[in-house]
Amino acid sequence: MPRPALWPMLALLGCEGAADPDVPDLTDDSPAPIDSRQPPDDSPTVDTGRLGAARDWCEGLAEPGYADVVGTWVAQDALNPPPADPVLVIGSSSIRRWERAGLDLADWPIVQRGFGGALLTDVAGHAGAIVLPYQPAAVLLFAGTNDIAAGHDPDQVLGDLRCLIQQLRASGSVAPVLFIGITPTPARWSSWDLASQVNAAVAELAEGNGRLVYVDVPTAFLRTGQPPSSALFVDDGLHLNEAGYALWTAVVRPALEAARPPTRAWPGNPSHPAAGARVLVDLGPSNAEDGLRPESPDAFGQQWNTWHDLQGSAQVLPGESLGDLRTTEGAASGIDLVITGGFRANGLRNGGLTSPDAGRLGELAVAGATADYFYTDGPDSPGALALTGLDPARSYRLRLFASRDWGSEDRVTAYVVNGAERHTASLQVSGADIGSDGSYDGNDHAVVTLEGLRPDAWGQLFIDVGVERGTYAYLSLLELMVEG
């Protein structure tokens, strides 16, 4: 997949290079690149003894956290096994917030396993559950910055990385591990000396070792300033914004291409439904206080696919999925829904549409689907999903609905669908008196319809749910129909 040049991409995202004082021009007369792998001259170096003789690197590994998060993935893996030979994209919140990971790496099958706040200890400690079972073709890893922030010394961080690699090799895997260098940030600039020691040690360990790759993202960021330009980060100065991820990806993707060239082909789908078949998906929580589930079949005789058990306000993480969606007739489709950018969920106590009217919404007027929703609340839950298992030679119609009864603010959701082409649409979900009776403060009649959608070459449609106006964006349900 050809990649756009970095700085034109940043310009499109509002960062205009030399025209923006926060983003220096990186033309040929820019200062020489900073070698971000080298710690300052007056900094102690990592104990290189940890790089040497064989030992049990997992001995004494701390108990990992995030058992509940990992348990969710494991349970869903049992219901819907991830793709074979994937690139495993794993690590802390910079991985979890990488909303475009599926798009940026579309020509590899990927498994996303990002959990915010994760340490390398957590990744290594859960390798038996969310690394080794996938038999990955490559592991793309970003972790270590939280370890340094938690007081772990560089030697310990490197040891935890060695523990992860040891487990992979003991399983018989020869998959390359690509360690994305700990990225310098304004918020953690005071600990950059320690982070740079970790980067230098990993780079040293990777030299002459084709199965460990140090991905030098830090140099690209340090070219923009020391600390790096705030134009690459959200307001907290710690997490990347769109421009930051564009720069990140411009370094990460070529490294992955070199270590594991993309050879992905459309795998086919023998269960693919015929023209005219429809798939319905209900998104939202399931607890009695916040969610409803549609009867299946419903009053119209339609079968629904309903999200897993979920509490209101809970976070849905990238990599979660619903597999082999059923058509409205109850037949297998071979189509999966995969979360690619996290959501949160709410509904009954927060303005879902509990009394839909079939005269306005037709066969989508099912209270179990309209009364609750997934929503996005900013970069921490950026809101995106993918439909996989589609046929690149076919076209599809997508219908999207959401409603939130809230009269104090106009809330308009922007939907962007990427496949072979890019399609956009908007839906006003909330606002004073926007309902069909002139007094209801939520959407009770409008449905977004996108026709003629063609998936990418690997049978994928990516659906981004974002804020066009207001504070939040929403998605209650979707319908996919095979056009031809």
Protein backbone atom coordinates (compact mmCIF):
# COMPACT_ATOMS: atom_id res chain seq x y z
CA MET A 1 0.00 0.00 0.00
CA PRO A 2 1.67 3.29 -1.02
CA ARG A 3 2.03 5.78 1.81
CA PRO A 4 1.55 9.53 1.52
CA ALA A 5 4.54 11.73 2.14
CA LEU A 6 4.80 12.73 5.80
CA TRP A 7 4.73 16.49 5.68
CA PRO A 8 1.87 16.80 3.16
CA MET A 9 -0.07 14.52 5.48
CA LEU A 10 0.74 16.72 8.45
CA ALA A 11 -0.32 19.78 6.49
CA LEU A 12 -3.70 18.21 5.84
CA LEU A 13 -3.99 17.66 9.58
CA GLY A 14 -3.34 21.32 10.34
CA CYS A 15 0.44 21.23 10.83
CA GLU A 16 2.03 23.15 7.99
CA GLY A 17 5.72 22.53 8.46
CA ALA A 18 7.80 25.66 8.18
CA ALA A 19 4.66 27.79 8.09
CA ASP A 20 3.84 26.58 11.60
CA PRO A 21 6.31 27.73 14.27
CA ASP A 22 5.52 24.61 16.30
CA VAL A 23 6.58 22.23 13.52
CA PRO A 24 10.01 23.03 12.07
CA ASP A 25 10.76 22.50 8.41
CA LEU A 26 12.62 19.23 7.87
CA THR A 27 14.09 19.98 4.46
CA ASP A 28 17.62 19.15 3.40
CA ASP A 29 19.06 22.13 5.29
CA SER A 30 17.60 20.92 8.61
CA PRO A 31 20.05 20.06 11.39
CA ALA A 32 21.52 16.59 11.29
CA PRO A 33 19.24 13.94 12.77
CA ILE A 34 19.61 13.33 16.49
CA ASP A 35 20.64 9.78 17.36
CA SER A 36 17.91 9.12 19.88
CA ARG A 37 19.40 5.76 20.81
CA GLN A 38 22.37 7.34 22.56
CA PRO A 39 21.97 8.49 26.16
CA PRO A 40 23.59 11.78 27.16
CA ASP A 41 27.33 11.54 27.83
CA ASP A 42 26.87 12.10 31.56
CA SER A 43 24.17 9.44 31.92
CA PRO A 44 24.89 5.97 33.31
CA THR A 45 24.48 3.19 30.80
CA VAL A 46 22.33 0.11 31.10
CA ASP A 47 24.03 -2.95 32.54
CA THR A 48 25.15 -4.67 29.37
CA GLY A 49 25.58 -7.87 31.33
CA ARG A 50 21.84 -8.28 30.90
CA LEU A 51 22.43 -8.51 27.16
CA GLY A 52 24.70 -11.47 27.36
CA ALA A 53 24.75 -15.01 28.67
CA ALA A 54 21.74 -17.29 28.64
CA ARG A 55 19.51 -17.05 31.71
CA ASP A 56 15.87 -17.17 32.67
CA TRP A 57 14.81 -13.62 31.93
CA CYS A 58 11.33 -14.26 33.33
CA GLU A 59 12.58 -15.25 36.77
CA GLY A 60 11.08 -12.87 39.32
CA LEU A 61 8.76 -11.20 36.79
CA ALA A 62 6.19 -9.12 38.66
CA GLU A 63 2.55 -10.18 38.65
CA PRO A 64 0.94 -8.51 35.63
CA GLY A 65 -2.10 -6.29 35.89
CA TYR A 66 -5.11 -5.95 33.60
CA ALA A 67 -6.43 -9.47 34.17
CA ASP A 68 -9.98 -8.31 33.41
CA VAL A 69 -8.99 -6.70 30.11
CA VAL A 70 -6.98 -9.71 29.02
CA GLY A 71 -9.82 -12.00 30.10
CA THR A 72 -12.21 -10.16 27.78
CA TRP A 73 -9.93 -10.71 24.79
CA VAL A 74 -9.37 -14.36 25.68
CA ALA A 75 -13.11 -15.01 25.98
CA GLN A 76 -13.79 -13.35 22.63
CA ASP A 77 -10.88 -15.20 21.01
CA ALA A 78 -12.61 -18.46 21.93
CA LEU A 79 -15.76 -17.29 20.15
CA ASN A 80 -14.03 -15.70 17.16
CA PRO A 81 -10.41 -16.78 16.61
CA PRO A 82 -8.15 -14.01 15.28
CA PRO A 83 -6.69 -14.25 11.77
CA ALA A 84 -3.83 -16.61 11.08
CA ASP A 85 -0.24 -15.34 10.93
CA PRO A 86 -1.11 -11.82 12.09
CA VAL A 87 1.02 -8.86 12.93
CA LEU A 88 0.36 -8.50 16.65
CA VAL A 89 0.16 -4.79 17.53
CA ILE A 90 0.53 -4.71 21.29
CA GLY A 91 1.46 -2.36 24.11
CA SER A 92 0.26 0.59 26.12
CA SER A 93 -2.11 3.49 25.43
CA SER A 94 -0.29 4.71 22.32
CA ILE A 95 -1.22 1.37 20.76
CA ARG A 96 -4.76 1.46 22.17
CA ARG A 97 -5.36 4.99 20.84
CA TRP A 98 -3.93 4.25 17.38
CA GLU A 99 -7.32 4.57 15.71
CA ARG A 100 -5.96 4.20 12.17
CA ALA A 101 -3.86 1.11 12.88
CA GLY A 102 -6.18 -1.05 10.80
CA LEU A 103 -6.04 1.40 7.89
CA ASP A 104 -2.34 2.18 8.20
CA LEU A 105 -1.49 -1.53 8.24
CA ALA A 106 -4.36 -2.76 6.06
CA ASP A 107 -2.17 -5.00 3.91
CA TRP A 108 -1.30 -7.21 6.90
CA PRO A 109 -3.80 -9.13 9.00
CA ILE A 110 -3.43 -7.53 12.42
CA VAL A 111 -4.48 -8.25 15.98
CA GLN A 112 -4.73 -5.17 18.20
CA ARG A 113 -3.93 -5.63 21.88
CA GLY A 114 -3.37 -2.20 23.36
CA PHE A 115 -4.24 -1.54 26.99
CA GLY A 116 -3.73 1.90 28.51
CA GLY A 117 -1.12 2.21 31.23
CA ALA A 118 0.41 -1.16 30.41
CA LEU A 119 3.99 -1.91 31.40
CA LEU A 120 6.36 -4.27 29.64
CA THR A 121 5.84 -6.40 32.75
CA ASP A 122 2.15 -6.69 31.81
CA VAL A 123 2.86 -7.57 28.19
CA ALA A 124 5.43 -10.21 29.14
CA GLY A 125 3.28 -11.51 31.99
CA HIS A 126 0.28 -12.06 29.72
CA ALA A 127 2.24 -13.46 26.77
CA GLY A 128 0.75 -16.90 27.34
CA ALA A 129 -2.74 -15.48 26.81
CA ILE A 130 -2.42 -12.68 24.24
CA VAL A 131 0.85 -13.26 22.38
CA LEU A 132 1.79 -16.91 21.98
CA PRO A 133 -1.68 -18.28 21.05
CA TYR A 134 -1.79 -16.06 17.96
CA GLN A 135 1.44 -17.48 16.51
CA PRO A 136 2.18 -14.01 15.15
CA ALA A 137 4.14 -13.43 11.99
CA ALA A 138 5.56 -10.30 13.65
CA VAL A 139 5.14 -8.47 16.94
CA LEU A 140 4.91 -4.68 16.80
CA LEU A 141 5.47 -3.51 20.37
CA PHE A 142 5.25 -0.15 22.10
CA ALA A 143 5.83 -0.27 25.84
CA GLY A 144 8.37 0.96 28.36
CA THR A 145 7.40 4.58 28.90
CA ASN A 146 5.00 3.67 31.71
CA ASP A 147 7.67 1.44 33.25
CA ILE A 148 10.05 4.39 33.49
CA ALA A 149 7.26 6.58 34.89
CA ALA A 150 6.55 3.90 37.51
CA GLY A 151 10.16 3.99 38.69
CA HIS A 152 11.53 0.93 36.90
CA ASP A 153 15.18 1.34 36.00
CA PRO A 154 16.28 0.83 32.38
CA ASP A 155 17.92 -2.47 33.25
CA GLN A 156 14.60 -3.85 34.52
CA VAL A 157 12.74 -2.62 31.45
CA LEU A 158 15.22 -4.35 29.18
CA GLY A 159 14.96 -7.52 31.23
CA ASP A 160 11.19 -7.56 30.82
CA LEU A 161 11.61 -7.20 27.06
CA ARG A 162 14.03 -10.13 27.14
CA CYS A 163 11.41 -12.14 29.05
CA LEU A 164 8.86 -11.54 26.30
CA ILE A 165 11.33 -12.54 23.59
CA GLN A 166 12.39 -15.61 25.58
CA GLN A 167 8.79 -16.83 25.71
CA LEU A 168 8.37 -16.36 21.97
CA ARG A 169 11.54 -18.28 21.15
CA ALA A 170 10.70 -21.05 23.62
CA SER A 171 7.39 -21.51 21.80
CA GLY A 172 9.27 -22.09 18.54
CA SER A 173 8.39 -18.69 17.08
CA VAL A 174 10.92 -16.95 14.87
CA ALA A 175 8.67 -13.90 14.44
CA PRO A 176 10.53 -10.59 14.43
CA VAL A 177 9.84 -8.33 17.40
CA LEU A 178 9.78 -4.67 16.41
CA PHE A 179 10.34 -2.49 19.47
CA ILE A 180 9.03 1.01 18.78
CA GLY A 181 11.44 3.29 20.58
CA ILE A 182 10.07 4.99 23.67
CA THR A 183 8.78 8.21 22.20
CA PRO A 184 9.85 11.51 23.79
CA THR A 185 6.93 13.63 24.95
CA PRO A 186 6.58 17.07 26.54
CA ALA A 187 4.80 15.58 29.55
CA ARG A 188 7.62 13.14 30.36
CA TRP A 189 10.57 15.11 29.13
CA SER A 190 12.14 15.09 32.60
CA SER A 191 12.60 11.30 32.35
CA TRP A 192 13.86 11.30 28.77
CA ASP A 193 17.44 10.47 29.84
CA LEU A 194 16.24 7.17 31.32
CA ALA A 195 14.00 6.41 28.33
CA SER A 196 16.87 7.06 25.93
CA GLN A 197 18.99 4.56 27.85
CA VAL A 198 16.35 1.90 27.23
CA ASN A 199 16.25 2.81 23.54
CA ALA A 200 20.04 2.63 23.27
CA ALA A 201 20.12 -0.76 24.96
CA VAL A 202 17.41 -2.20 22.71
CA ALA A 203 19.19 -0.85 19.63
CA GLU A 204 22.41 -2.51 20.82
CA LEU A 205 20.61 -5.78 21.43
CA ALA A 206 19.05 -5.61 17.96
CA GLU A 207 22.34 -5.09 16.12
CA GLY A 208 23.06 -8.18 14.08
CA ASN A 209 19.85 -9.81 15.29
CA GLY A 210 17.29 -9.96 12.50
CA ARG A 211 14.58 -11.14 14.86
CA LEU A 212 14.68 -7.99 17.00
CA VAL A 213 14.26 -4.60 15.32
CA TYR A 214 14.64 -1.24 17.01
CA VAL A 215 12.22 1.21 15.33
CA ASP A 216 13.74 4.65 15.69
CA VAL A 217 10.62 6.78 16.08
CA PRO A 218 12.31 9.07 18.66
CA THR A 219 14.71 10.62 16.15
CA ALA A 220 11.81 11.82 13.99
CA PHE A 221 10.12 13.39 17.01
CA LEU A 222 13.30 15.02 18.34
CA ARG A 223 13.82 16.71 15.00
CA THR A 224 10.78 18.85 15.83
CA GLY A 225 12.28 20.12 19.09
CA GLN A 226 13.54 19.08 22.50
CA PRO A 227 11.03 18.32 23.90
CA PRO A 228 9.16 17.50 20.68
CA SER A 229 6.65 19.94 19.26
CA SER A 230 3.37 20.17 21.14
CA ALA A 231 1.66 20.12 17.71
CA LEU A 232 2.15 16.34 17.72
CA PHE A 233 0.25 15.71 20.95
CA VAL A 234 -3.18 16.12 22.49
CA ASP A 235 -3.59 18.56 25.35
CA ASP A 236 -2.00 16.29 27.96
CA GLY A 237 1.36 16.47 26.17
CA LEU A 238 1.68 12.71 26.53
CA HIS A 239 -0.54 11.07 23.93
CA LEU A 240 -0.26 11.53 20.19
CA ASN A 241 -2.78 13.42 18.08
CA GLU A 242 -3.44 12.74 14.39
CA ALA A 243 -0.30 14.57 13.31
CA GLY A 244 1.72 12.64 15.87
CA TYR A 245 0.40 9.33 14.63
CA ALA A 246 1.11 10.34 11.04
CA LEU A 247 4.74 10.93 11.97
CA TRP A 248 4.84 7.73 14.05
CA THR A 249 3.41 5.65 11.20
CA ALA A 250 5.80 7.17 8.67
CA VAL A 251 8.64 5.53 10.63
CA VAL A 252 6.90 2.37 11.85
CA ARG A 253 5.45 1.18 8.56
CA PRO A 254 8.72 1.05 6.56
CA ALA A 255 10.35 -0.84 9.44
CA LEU A 256 7.54 -3.39 9.40
CA GLU A 257 7.72 -3.69 5.62
CA ALA A 258 11.43 -4.49 5.87
CA ALA A 259 11.00 -7.03 8.67
CA ARG A 260 7.84 -8.68 7.40
CA PRO A 261 6.91 -7.68 3.84
CA PRO A 262 3.14 -7.68 3.30
CA THR A 263 1.94 -10.69 1.34
CA ARG A 264 -1.72 -10.56 2.32
CA ALA A 265 -4.34 -11.73 -0.16
CA TRP A 266 -8.10 -11.86 0.11
CA PRO A 267 -8.75 -15.24 1.76
CA GLY A 268 -12.20 -15.72 0.25
CA ASN A 269 -15.44 -16.25 2.14
CA PRO A 270 -17.41 -19.40 1.28
CA SER A 271 -20.25 -18.30 3.59
CA HIS A 272 -20.67 -14.90 1.98
CA PRO A 273 -24.38 -14.03 1.67
CA ALA A 274 -26.14 -13.54 -1.65
CA ALA A 275 -27.25 -10.21 -3.05
CA GLY A 276 -30.06 -8.70 -1.01
CA ALA A 277 -29.04 -10.35 2.26
CA ARG A 278 -28.87 -8.07 5.29
CA VAL A 279 -26.92 -8.15 8.56
CA LEU A 280 -28.09 -6.20 11.64
CA VAL A 281 -25.82 -5.33 14.58
CA ASP A 282 -26.95 -3.89 17.92
CA LEU A 283 -24.28 -1.94 19.82
CA GLY A 284 -24.56 -0.97 23.47
CA PRO A 285 -24.46 -2.20 27.07
CA SER A 286 -26.42 -5.16 28.38
CA ASN A 287 -26.94 -4.39 32.09
CA ALA A 288 -30.57 -3.77 33.00
CA GLU A 289 -30.02 -0.16 34.07
CA ASP A 290 -28.41 0.93 30.82
CA GLY A 291 -29.12 -1.49 27.99
CA LEU A 292 -31.70 -3.48 26.13
CA ARG A 293 -31.23 -6.33 23.71
CA PRO A 294 -33.47 -6.89 20.71
CA GLU A 295 -35.45 -10.07 20.57
CA SER A 296 -34.10 -12.30 17.85
CA PRO A 297 -36.16 -12.74 15.80
CA ASP A 298 -37.77 -9.38 16.46
CA ALA A 299 -41.32 -8.27 15.64
CA PHE A 300 -40.31 -7.96 11.97
CA GLY A 301 -38.92 -11.51 11.92
CA GLN A 302 -35.29 -10.31 11.77
CA GLN A 303 -32.32 -11.96 13.47
CA TRP A 304 -29.93 -9.58 15.26
CA ASN A 305 -26.26 -9.73 16.20
CA THR A 306 -25.85 -8.21 19.66
CA TRP A 307 -22.68 -7.03 21.37
CA HIS A 308 -21.26 -9.07 24.25
CA ASP A 309 -22.26 -8.60 27.89
CA LEU A 310 -21.18 -5.09 28.82
CA GLN A 311 -21.81 -2.65 31.66
CA GLY A 312 -22.90 0.92 31.00
CA SER A 313 -19.99 3.40 30.74
CA ALA A 314 -17.54 0.53 30.26
CA GLN A 315 -14.83 0.84 27.65
CA VAL A 316 -14.75 -1.35 24.54
CA LEU A 317 -11.16 -1.87 23.40
CA PRO A 318 -9.58 -2.24 19.97
CA GLY A 319 -9.32 -5.89 19.02
CA GLU A 320 -12.67 -6.87 20.52
CA SER A 321 -14.96 -8.48 17.98
CA LEU A 322 -18.22 -10.15 17.01
CA GLY A 323 -17.56 -13.06 14.68
CA ASP A 324 -19.50 -14.68 11.85
CA LEU A 325 -22.40 -12.25 11.91
CA ARG A 326 -25.76 -13.82 11.13
CA THR A 327 -28.01 -12.49 8.41
CA THR A 328 -31.52 -11.36 9.22
CA GLU A 329 -32.59 -14.85 8.11
CA GLY A 330 -30.23 -16.46 10.62
CA ALA A 331 -27.65 -17.73 8.12
CA ALA A 332 -23.90 -17.58 8.68
CA SER A 333 -22.22 -14.76 6.76
CA GLY A 334 -18.50 -15.21 7.41
CA ILE A 335 -18.42 -11.45 8.12
CA ASP A 336 -16.84 -10.18 11.34
CA LEU A 337 -17.13 -6.86 13.16
CA VAL A 338 -13.85 -5.81 14.79
CA ILE A 339 -13.31 -2.78 17.01
CA THR A 340 -10.35 -0.76 15.70
CA GLY A 341 -10.75 2.37 17.85
CA GLY A 342 -12.24 2.14 21.34
CA PHE A 343 -15.75 3.13 22.40
CA ARG A 344 -17.72 3.57 25.59
CA ALA A 345 -21.33 2.47 26.04
CA ASN A 346 -24.52 3.91 27.51
CA GLY A 347 -28.25 3.99 26.89
CA LEU A 348 -31.36 3.86 29.04
CA ARG A 349 -30.16 6.25 31.75
CA ASN A 350 -28.56 8.51 29.17
CA GLY A 351 -31.12 9.28 26.53
CA GLY A 352 -31.41 6.31 24.21
CA LEU A 353 -34.50 6.09 22.00
CA THR A 354 -36.82 3.72 23.88
CA SER A 355 -39.98 4.08 21.77
CA PRO A 356 -39.00 3.96 18.09
CA ASP A 357 -41.75 4.32 15.49
CA ALA A 358 -41.82 1.96 12.50
CA GLY A 359 -43.50 4.70 10.50
CA ARG A 360 -40.27 6.70 10.76
CA LEU A 361 -37.54 4.07 11.04
CA GLY A 362 -39.11 1.09 9.28
CA GLU A 363 -37.57 -2.25 10.23
CA LEU A 364 -34.90 -0.48 12.30
CA ALA A 365 -37.59 0.56 14.82
CA VAL A 366 -36.53 -2.05 17.38
CA ALA A 367 -36.26 -0.65 20.91
CA GLY A 368 -33.68 -3.22 21.95
CA ALA A 369 -31.34 -1.70 19.35
CA THR A 370 -32.24 2.01 19.47
CA ALA A 371 -32.35 2.40 23.28
CA ASP A 372 -28.60 2.12 23.84
CA TYR A 373 -25.42 2.94 21.99
CA PHE A 374 -21.66 3.06 21.68
CA TYR A 375 -20.19 6.55 21.94
CA THR A 376 -16.87 8.33 21.68
CA ASP A 377 -15.62 10.78 24.27
CA GLY A 378 -12.41 12.04 22.71
CA PRO A 379 -9.00 10.61 21.86
CA ASP A 380 -9.08 8.08 24.70
CA SER A 381 -11.98 6.28 22.99
CA PRO A 382 -11.66 7.42 19.38
CA GLY A 383 -14.49 5.31 17.96
CA ALA A 384 -13.83 3.07 14.95
CA LEU A 385 -14.69 -0.40 13.73
CA ALA A 386 -14.12 -2.63 10.73
CA LEU A 387 -16.27 -5.10 8.84
CA THR A 388 -14.10 -7.94 7.53
CA GLY A 389 -14.77 -10.98 5.38
CA LEU A 390 -16.39 -8.89 2.65
CA ASP A 391 -15.91 -9.57 -1.05
CA PRO A 392 -13.77 -6.98 -2.88
CA ALA A 393 -15.74 -7.69 -6.07
CA ARG A 394 -19.10 -6.82 -4.50
CA SER A 395 -20.77 -3.62 -3.35
CA TYR A 396 -22.67 -2.98 -0.15
CA ARG A 397 -25.17 -0.62 1.42
CA LEU A 398 -24.64 0.55 4.98
CA ARG A 399 -27.28 2.14 7.20
CA LEU A 400 -26.34 3.74 10.53
CA PHE A 401 -28.58 5.02 13.31
CA ALA A 402 -28.02 6.74 16.65
CA SER A 403 -30.04 8.85 19.06
CA ARG A 404 -29.30 10.65 22.34
CA ASP A 405 -32.05 12.69 24.04
CA TRP A 406 -30.18 15.86 25.05
CA GLY A 407 -31.45 19.36 24.39
CA SER A 408 -28.61 21.41 25.85
CA GLU A 409 -26.24 20.89 22.93
CA ASP A 410 -26.42 20.10 19.24
CA ARG A 411 -24.51 16.87 18.70
CA VAL A 412 -23.72 15.81 15.16
CA THR A 413 -21.86 12.59 14.44
CA ALA A 414 -19.59 12.28 11.41
CA TYR A 415 -19.26 8.83 9.85
CA VAL A 416 -16.32 8.13 7.56
CA VAL A 417 -16.20 4.81 5.70
CA ASN A 418 -12.95 3.71 4.06
CA GLY A 419 -12.71 0.79 1.67
CA ALA A 420 -11.75 1.00 -1.97
CA GLU A 421 -12.97 4.60 -1.73
CA ARG A 422 -13.76 7.06 1.05
CA HIS A 423 -17.37 7.99 1.88
CA THR A 424 -18.68 10.43 4.48
CA ALA A 425 -22.03 11.26 6.06
CA SER A 426 -23.36 13.17 9.07
CA LEU A 427 -26.25 12.58 11.48
CA GLN A 428 -27.68 14.96 14.07
CA VAL A 429 -28.15 12.78 17.11
CA SER A 430 -29.08 15.37 19.79
CA GLY A 431 -30.45 18.89 19.98
CA ALA A 432 -33.38 20.92 21.23
CA ASP A 433 -36.65 19.86 19.57
CA ILE A 434 -35.02 17.96 16.69
CA GLY A 435 -37.48 15.06 16.95
CA SER A 436 -40.24 14.58 14.44
CA ASP A 437 -42.87 15.92 16.87
CA GLY A 438 -40.95 19.17 17.42
CA SER A 439 -40.46 18.54 21.14
CA TYR A 440 -38.21 15.47 21.47
CA ASP A 441 -34.51 16.33 21.91
CA GLY A 442 -33.11 13.28 20.15
CA ASN A 443 -33.11 11.76 16.68
CA ASP A 444 -36.18 9.59 16.12
CA HIS A 445 -36.40 9.55 12.32
CA ALA A 446 -33.12 10.09 10.44
CA VAL A 447 -30.90 7.23 9.25
CA VAL A 448 -27.58 7.57 7.44
CA THR A 449 -27.54 5.53 4.23
CA LEU A 450 -24.34 4.94 2.25
CA GLU A 451 -24.65 2.98 -0.99
CA GLY A 452 -22.19 1.56 -3.48
CA LEU A 453 -19.55 0.84 -0.84
CA ARG A 454 -16.71 -1.35 -2.05
CA PRO A 455 -14.29 -2.92 0.42
CA ASP A 456 -10.54 -2.71 0.06
CA ALA A 457 -8.53 -5.41 -1.67
CA TRP A 458 -8.57 -7.51 1.52
CA GLY A 459 -12.35 -7.39 2.01
CA GLN A 460 -12.50 -4.68 4.69
CA LEU A 461 -14.63 -1.61 5.34
CA PHE A 462 -13.44 0.73 8.09
CA ILE A 463 -16.07 2.89 9.81
CA ASP A 464 -14.90 5.88 11.80
CA VAL A 465 -17.32 7.48 14.28
CA GLY A 466 -16.30 11.04 15.14
CA VAL A 467 -17.57 14.33 16.49
CA GLU A 468 -18.62 16.84 13.85
CA ARG A 469 -20.36 19.16 16.30
CA GLY A 470 -20.83 18.98 20.04
CA THR A 471 -19.06 16.89 22.66
CA TYR A 472 -19.80 13.27 21.79
CA ALA A 473 -20.45 11.00 18.79
CA TYR A 474 -22.72 7.95 18.73
CA LEU A 475 -23.63 4.71 16.99
CA SER A 476 -26.60 2.60 18.14
CA LEU A 477 -26.93 0.08 15.32
CA LEU A 478 -25.82 -0.72 11.81
CA GLU A 479 -27.29 -2.61 8.90
CA LEU A 480 -25.14 -4.03 6.10
CA MET A 481 -26.80 -5.18 2.88
CA VAL A 482 -25.13 -6.98 -0.02
CA GLU A 483 -26.01 -4.98 -3.14
CA GLY A 484 -24.58 -7.22 -5.81
